[in-house]
C-alpha atoms as a PDB file:
ATOM      1  CA  MET A   1     263.870 -26.689  16.492  1.00  0.00           C
ATOM      2  CA  MET A   2     263.799 -26.562  12.696  1.00  0.00           C
ATOM      3  CA  THR A   3     262.317 -30.057  12.552  1.00  0.00           C
ATOM      4  CA  ARG A   4     259.437 -29.112  14.860  1.00  0.00           C
ATOM      5  CA  PHE A   5     258.724 -25.998  12.762  1.00  0.00           C
ATOM      6  CA  PHE A   6     258.839 -28.059   9.553  1.00  0.00           C
ATOM      7  CA  ARG A   7     256.410 -30.649  10.936  1.00  0.00           C
ATOM      8  CA  PHE A   8     254.056 -27.915  12.155  1.00  0.00           C
ATOM      9  CA  SER A   9     254.195 -26.184   8.738  1.00  0.00           C
ATOM     10  CA  CYS A  10     253.417 -29.478   6.994  1.00  0.00           C
ATOM     11  CA  LEU A  11     250.464 -30.056   9.339  1.00  0.00           C
ATOM     12  CA  VAL A  12     249.026 -26.609   8.590  1.00  0.00           C
ATOM     13  CA  LEU A  13     249.476 -27.157   4.835  1.00  0.00           C
ATOM     14  CA  ILE A  14     247.775 -30.556   4.974  1.00  0.00           C
ATOM     15  CA  LEU A  15     244.942 -29.065   7.028  1.00  0.00           C
ATOM     16  CA  ALA A  16     244.442 -26.243   4.546  1.00  0.00           C
ATOM     17  CA  VAL A  17     244.280 -28.647   1.598  1.00  0.00           C
ATOM     18  CA  PHE A  18     241.986 -31.060   3.468  1.00  0.00           C
ATOM     19  CA  SER A  19     239.594 -28.290   4.493  1.00  0.00           C
ATOM     20  CA  ILE A  20     238.561 -27.636   0.887  1.00  0.00           C
ATOM     21  CA  GLY A  21     235.059 -29.090   0.565  1.00  0.00           C
ATOM     22  CA  VAL A  22     234.732 -30.060   4.239  1.00  0.00           C
ATOM     23  CA  LYS A  23     232.134 -28.295   6.363  1.00  0.00           C
ATOM     24  CA  ALA A  24     233.010 -26.884   9.783  1.00  0.00           C
ATOM     25  CA  ALA A  25     232.172 -28.769  12.966  1.00  0.00           C
ATOM     26  CA  LEU A  26     231.508 -27.421  16.453  1.00  0.00           C
ATOM     27  CA  VAL A  27     233.853 -28.644  19.188  1.00  0.00           C
ATOM     28  CA  GLU A  28     232.669 -28.113  22.787  1.00  0.00           C
ATOM     29  CA  THR A  29     235.649 -28.004  25.147  1.00  0.00           C
ATOM     30  CA  THR A  30     236.215 -27.268  28.819  1.00  0.00           C
ATOM     31  CA  ARG A  31     237.547 -23.888  27.644  1.00  0.00           C
ATOM     32  CA  GLY A  32     234.563 -23.008  25.462  1.00  0.00           C
ATOM     33  CA  PRO A  33     233.382 -23.828  21.953  1.00  0.00           C
ATOM     34  CA  ARG A  34     235.554 -23.789  18.818  1.00  0.00           C
ATOM     35  CA  GLU A  35     234.289 -24.085  15.259  1.00  0.00           C
ATOM     36  CA  GLY A  36     236.316 -25.384  12.348  1.00  0.00           C
ATOM     37  CA  ARG A  37     237.788 -28.490  10.746  1.00  0.00           C
ATOM     38  CA  VAL A  38     238.374 -31.332  13.191  1.00  0.00           C
ATOM     39  CA  ILE A  39     241.246 -33.799  13.332  1.00  0.00           C
ATOM     40  CA  VAL A  40     241.632 -36.485  15.979  1.00  0.00           C
ATOM     41  CA  ARG A  41     244.992 -38.254  16.203  1.00  0.00           C
ATOM     42  CA  GLU A  42     247.218 -40.000  18.693  1.00  0.00           C
ATOM     43  CA  SER A  43     250.312 -38.262  19.993  1.00  0.00           C
ATOM     44  CA  ALA A  44     252.557 -39.840  22.632  1.00  0.00           C
ATOM     45  CA  GLY A  45     249.831 -42.332  23.529  1.00  0.00           C
ATOM     46  CA  ARG A  46     247.119 -39.663  23.996  1.00  0.00           C
ATOM     47  CA  GLU A  47     244.290 -38.648  21.714  1.00  0.00           C
ATOM     48  CA  VAL A  48     244.591 -35.043  20.564  1.00  0.00           C
ATOM     49  CA  VAL A  49     241.724 -33.076  19.002  1.00  0.00           C
ATOM     50  CA  THR A  50     242.863 -30.330  16.618  1.00  0.00           C
ATOM     51  CA  VAL A  51     240.543 -27.591  15.377  1.00  0.00           C
ATOM     52  CA  ILE A  52     241.538 -25.303  12.509  1.00  0.00           C
ATOM     53  CA  THR A  53     239.260 -22.269  12.310  1.00  0.00           C
ATOM     54  CA  LYS A  54     238.095 -20.399   9.204  1.00  0.00           C
ATOM     55  CA  ASP A  55     240.783 -17.773   9.827  1.00  0.00           C
ATOM     56  CA  ASN A  56     243.433 -20.568   9.939  1.00  0.00           C
ATOM     57  CA  ARG A  57     244.041 -20.495  13.691  1.00  0.00           C
ATOM     58  CA  LEU A  58     244.986 -23.861  15.148  1.00  0.00           C
ATOM     59  CA  PHE A  59     243.678 -25.088  18.525  1.00  0.00           C
ATOM     60  CA  GLN A  60     244.735 -28.390  20.063  1.00  0.00           C
ATOM     61  CA  PHE A  61     243.111 -30.121  23.025  1.00  0.00           C
ATOM     62  CA  TYR A  62     243.674 -33.421  24.764  1.00  0.00           C
ATOM     63  CA  ALA A  63     240.564 -35.556  24.287  1.00  0.00           C
ATOM     64  CA  ARG A  64     239.871 -35.375  28.052  1.00  0.00           C
ATOM     65  CA  ASP A  65     239.309 -31.592  27.612  1.00  0.00           C
ATOM     66  CA  VAL A  66     236.730 -32.097  24.844  1.00  0.00           C
ATOM     67  CA  LYS A  67     233.061 -32.576  25.699  1.00  0.00           C
ATOM     68  CA  SER A  68     231.688 -33.198  22.201  1.00  0.00           C
ATOM     69  CA  VAL A  69     232.145 -32.717  18.475  1.00  0.00           C
ATOM     70  CA  SER A  70     229.111 -32.105  16.290  1.00  0.00           C
ATOM     71  CA  ALA A  71     228.547 -31.428  12.596  1.00  0.00           C
ATOM     72  CA  ALA A  72     225.582 -30.490  10.413  1.00  0.00           C
ATOM     73  CA  GLU A  73     226.027 -33.719   8.421  1.00  0.00           C
ATOM     74  CA  ARG A  74     227.149 -37.275   9.170  1.00  0.00           C
ATOM     75  CA  VAL A  75     230.859 -36.682   8.493  1.00  0.00           C
ATOM     76  CA  LEU A  76     232.311 -37.613  11.894  1.00  0.00           C
ATOM     77  CA  ILE A  77     233.803 -41.002  12.741  1.00  0.00           C
ATOM     78  CA  GLY A  78     231.666 -42.383  15.572  1.00  0.00           C
ATOM     79  CA  GLN A  79     233.863 -45.317  16.591  1.00  0.00           C
ATOM     80  CA  LYS A  80     237.439 -46.402  15.991  1.00  0.00           C
ATOM     81  CA  THR A  81     237.592 -47.858  12.497  1.00  0.00           C
ATOM     82  CA  VAL A  82     239.924 -48.644   9.628  1.00  0.00           C
ATOM     83  CA  LEU A  83     240.008 -46.869   6.276  1.00  0.00           C
ATOM     84  CA  ARG A  84     240.439 -49.626   3.662  1.00  0.00           C
ATOM     85  CA  GLU A  85     241.734 -49.746   0.052  1.00  0.00           C
ATOM     86  CA  GLN A  86     238.601 -51.510  -1.226  1.00  0.00           C
ATOM     87  CA  PRO A  87     235.008 -51.723   0.051  1.00  0.00           C
ATOM     88  CA  GLU A  88     235.631 -55.105   1.724  1.00  0.00           C
ATOM     89  CA  ASP A  89     236.288 -56.080   5.347  1.00  0.00           C
ATOM     90  CA  GLN A  90     239.392 -58.070   4.326  1.00  0.00           C
ATOM     91  CA  ALA A  91     240.863 -55.270   2.156  1.00  0.00           C
ATOM     92  CA  VAL A  92     244.261 -53.752   2.948  1.00  0.00           C
ATOM     93  CA  PRO A  93     244.087 -51.134   5.739  1.00  0.00           C
ATOM     94  CA  VAL A  94     245.088 -47.605   4.702  1.00  0.00           C
ATOM     95  CA  ALA A  95     244.721 -45.764   8.020  1.00  0.00           C
ATOM     96  CA  GLU A  96     243.140 -46.038  11.454  1.00  0.00           C
ATOM     97  CA  LEU A  97     240.443 -43.419  12.120  1.00  0.00           C
ATOM     98  CA  LEU A  98     239.627 -42.281  15.657  1.00  0.00           C
ATOM     99  CA  PRO A  99     236.215 -41.180  16.974  1.00  0.00           C
ATOM    100  CA  GLY A 100     235.463 -37.495  16.412  1.00  0.00           C
ATOM    101  CA  LEU A 101     237.598 -37.259  13.266  1.00  0.00           C
ATOM    102  CA  GLU A 102     235.971 -35.328  10.443  1.00  0.00           C
ATOM    103  CA  VAL A 103     236.246 -36.975   7.016  1.00  0.00           C
ATOM    104  CA  LYS A 104     235.560 -35.720   3.518  1.00  0.00           C
ATOM    105  CA  ILE A 105     232.993 -37.869   1.697  1.00  0.00           C
ATOM    106  CA  LEU A 106     234.252 -38.671  -1.810  1.00  0.00           C
ATOM    107  CA  GLU A 107     231.700 -41.258  -2.955  1.00  0.00           C
ATOM    108  CA  ASP A 108     228.360 -42.140  -1.384  1.00  0.00           C
ATOM    109  CA  LYS A 109     226.057 -44.371  -3.408  1.00  0.00           C
ATOM    110  CA  GLU A 110     222.474 -44.745  -2.202  1.00  0.00           C
ATOM    111  CA  GLY A 111     221.833 -48.158  -0.638  1.00  0.00           C
ATOM    112  CA  GLU A 112     225.528 -49.125  -0.425  1.00  0.00           C
ATOM    113  CA  SER A 113     227.045 -50.039   2.966  1.00  0.00           C
ATOM    114  CA  TRP A 114     230.493 -48.612   2.080  1.00  0.00           C
ATOM    115  CA  ILE A 115     231.435 -44.948   1.584  1.00  0.00           C
ATOM    116  CA  LYS A 116     234.631 -43.645   0.016  1.00  0.00           C
ATOM    117  CA  ALA A 117     236.198 -40.996   2.255  1.00  0.00           C
ATOM    118  CA  ALA A 118     239.388 -39.000   2.734  1.00  0.00           C
ATOM    119  CA  ALA A 119     241.160 -38.455   6.041  1.00  0.00           C
ATOM    120  CA  TRP A 120     243.009 -35.266   6.977  1.00  0.00           C
ATOM    121  CA  THR A 121     246.323 -36.830   5.949  1.00  0.00           C
ATOM    122  CA  GLY A 122     245.089 -37.140   2.378  1.00  0.00           C
ATOM    123  CA  ALA A 123     244.645 -40.902   2.708  1.00  0.00           C
ATOM    124  CA  GLU A 124     241.614 -42.114   0.755  1.00  0.00           C
ATOM    125  CA  GLY A 125     239.718 -45.328   1.225  1.00  0.00           C
ATOM    126  CA  TRP A 126     236.485 -47.017   2.184  1.00  0.00           C
ATOM    127  CA  ILE A 127     234.608 -47.100   5.507  1.00  0.00           C
ATOM    128  CA  HIS A 128     231.312 -48.634   6.617  1.00  0.00           C
ATOM    129  CA  ARG A 129     228.419 -46.186   6.465  1.00  0.00           C
ATOM    130  CA  GLU A 130     227.454 -47.126  10.057  1.00  0.00           C
ATOM    131  CA  VAL A 131     230.600 -45.560  11.566  1.00  0.00           C
ATOM    132  CA  LEU A 132     229.567 -42.060  10.445  1.00  0.00           C
ATOM    133  CA  THR A 133     227.642 -39.817  12.815  1.00  0.00           C
ATOM    134  CA  ASP A 134     226.887 -36.142  13.291  1.00  0.00           C
ATOM    135  CA  ARG A 135     227.840 -36.003  16.993  1.00  0.00           C
ATOM    136  CA  VAL A 136     230.470 -37.648  19.196  1.00  0.00           C
ATOM    137  CA  GLU A 137     230.534 -37.310  22.994  1.00  0.00           C
ATOM    138  CA  PHE A 138     233.803 -37.485  24.949  1.00  0.00           C
ATOM    139  CA  THR A 139     234.141 -38.666  28.557  1.00  0.00           C
ATOM    140  CA  GLU A 140     236.344 -37.082  31.220  1.00  0.00           C
ATOM    141  CA  GLU A 141     238.871 -39.865  30.558  1.00  0.00           C
ATOM    142  CA  GLY A 142     239.081 -38.769  26.928  1.00  0.00           C
ATOM    143  CA  ALA A 143     237.241 -41.749  25.427  1.00  0.00           C
ATOM    144  CA  ALA A 144     234.749 -40.950  22.691  1.00  0.00           C
ATOM    145  CA  ALA A 145     231.413 -42.519  21.820  1.00  0.00           C
ATOM    146  CA  PRO A 146     228.789 -41.557  19.253  1.00  0.00           C
ATOM    147  CA  ALA A 147     225.806 -39.782  20.740  1.00  0.00           C
ATOM    148  CA  ILE A 148     222.655 -41.864  20.247  1.00  0.00           C
ATOM    149  CA  SER A 149     219.251 -40.261  20.149  1.00  0.00           C
ATOM    150  CA  ALA A 150     216.979 -41.217  23.065  1.00  0.00           C
ATOM    151  CA  PRO A 151     214.545 -43.403  21.042  1.00  0.00           C
ATOM    152  CA  ALA A 152     217.419 -45.293  19.383  1.00  0.00           C
ATOM    153  CA  ALA A 153     219.162 -45.743  22.733  1.00  0.00           C
ATOM    154  CA  LEU A 154     215.970 -47.163  24.265  1.00  0.00           C
ATOM    155  CA  GLU A 155     215.493 -49.570  21.353  1.00  0.00           C
ATOM    156  CA  GLU A 156     219.083 -50.822  21.708  1.00  0.00           C
ATOM    157  CA  ALA A 157     218.914 -51.123  25.499  1.00  0.00           C
ATOM    158  CA  THR A 158     215.432 -52.652  25.756  1.00  0.00           C
ATOM    159  CA  PRO A 159     214.839 -56.225  24.560  1.00  0.00           C
ATOM    160  CA  ALA A 160     211.505 -57.000  22.858  1.00  0.00           C
ATOM    161  CA  ALA A 161     210.106 -58.697  25.975  1.00  0.00           C
ATOM    162  CA  ALA A 162     211.492 -56.230  28.476  1.00  0.00           C
ATOM    163  CA  SER A 163     210.818 -56.527  32.164  1.00  0.00           C
ATOM    164  CA  PRO A 164     209.313 -53.505  33.925  1.00  0.00           C
ATOM    165  CA  PRO A 165     211.750 -50.774  34.959  1.00  0.00           C
ATOM    166  CA  GLN A 166     213.601 -51.406  38.205  1.00  0.00           C
ATOM    167  CA  ALA A 167     214.648 -48.813  40.775  1.00  0.00           C
ATOM    168  CA  ALA A 168     218.276 -47.788  40.561  1.00  0.00           C
ATOM    169  CA  THR A 169     220.651 -46.262  43.077  1.00  0.00           C
ATOM    170  CA  ILE A 170     223.270 -43.858  41.820  1.00  0.00           C
ATOM    171  CA  SER A 171     226.298 -43.017  43.933  1.00  0.00           C
ATOM    172  CA  ILE A 172     228.533 -40.080  43.178  1.00  0.00           C
ATOM    173  CA  VAL A 173     232.045 -40.434  44.511  1.00  0.00           C
ATOM    174  CA  GLU A 174     234.190 -37.336  44.809  1.00  0.00           C
ATOM    175  CA  PRO A 175     237.780 -37.784  43.526  1.00  0.00           C
ATOM    176  CA  ALA A 176     239.224 -37.213  47.021  1.00  0.00           C
ATOM    177  CA  GLU A 177     237.039 -40.018  48.435  1.00  0.00           C
ATOM    178  CA  ALA A 178     237.926 -42.399  45.598  1.00  0.00           C
ATOM    179  CA  GLU A 179     241.658 -42.190  46.382  1.00  0.00           C
ATOM    180  CA  LYS A 180     241.199 -43.210  50.076  1.00  0.00           C
END
């Protein structure tokens, strides 16, 4: 029991130190919205989203119970990535960062493709600018993907010489029917 308490106390201390200089994000969950610092980590093979509020209350959700995470600035990891020691793809990995994780930007030079950032654990390193977003959507299975604005999504999905739109049929299968 003492070990669990010690680990929890360490987590709260790390969160408090990390939260200095990091802006709050809004986490939409199946149980309502929560605002605060956001940490996404793996625990027993599942992604867990932790929110620490301004009054230091801690809320934890399995990723499947989270609808989205959004922030006022591009400080959220949009896709699984690696924090590296140097701004190079072959540099030594420092930590793996999961989608939805809020990072603290330490160095951001205009026109550079790499940004120096800190994770909630205190680990510092470099990430590609493209992995940062201001909103991450979660699926019912708990997988996360960066939200893409409609014009950008159309540009990515539509080749230059696109064929005219085709009719589509959408089927919705209830969970009870899917198991039969």
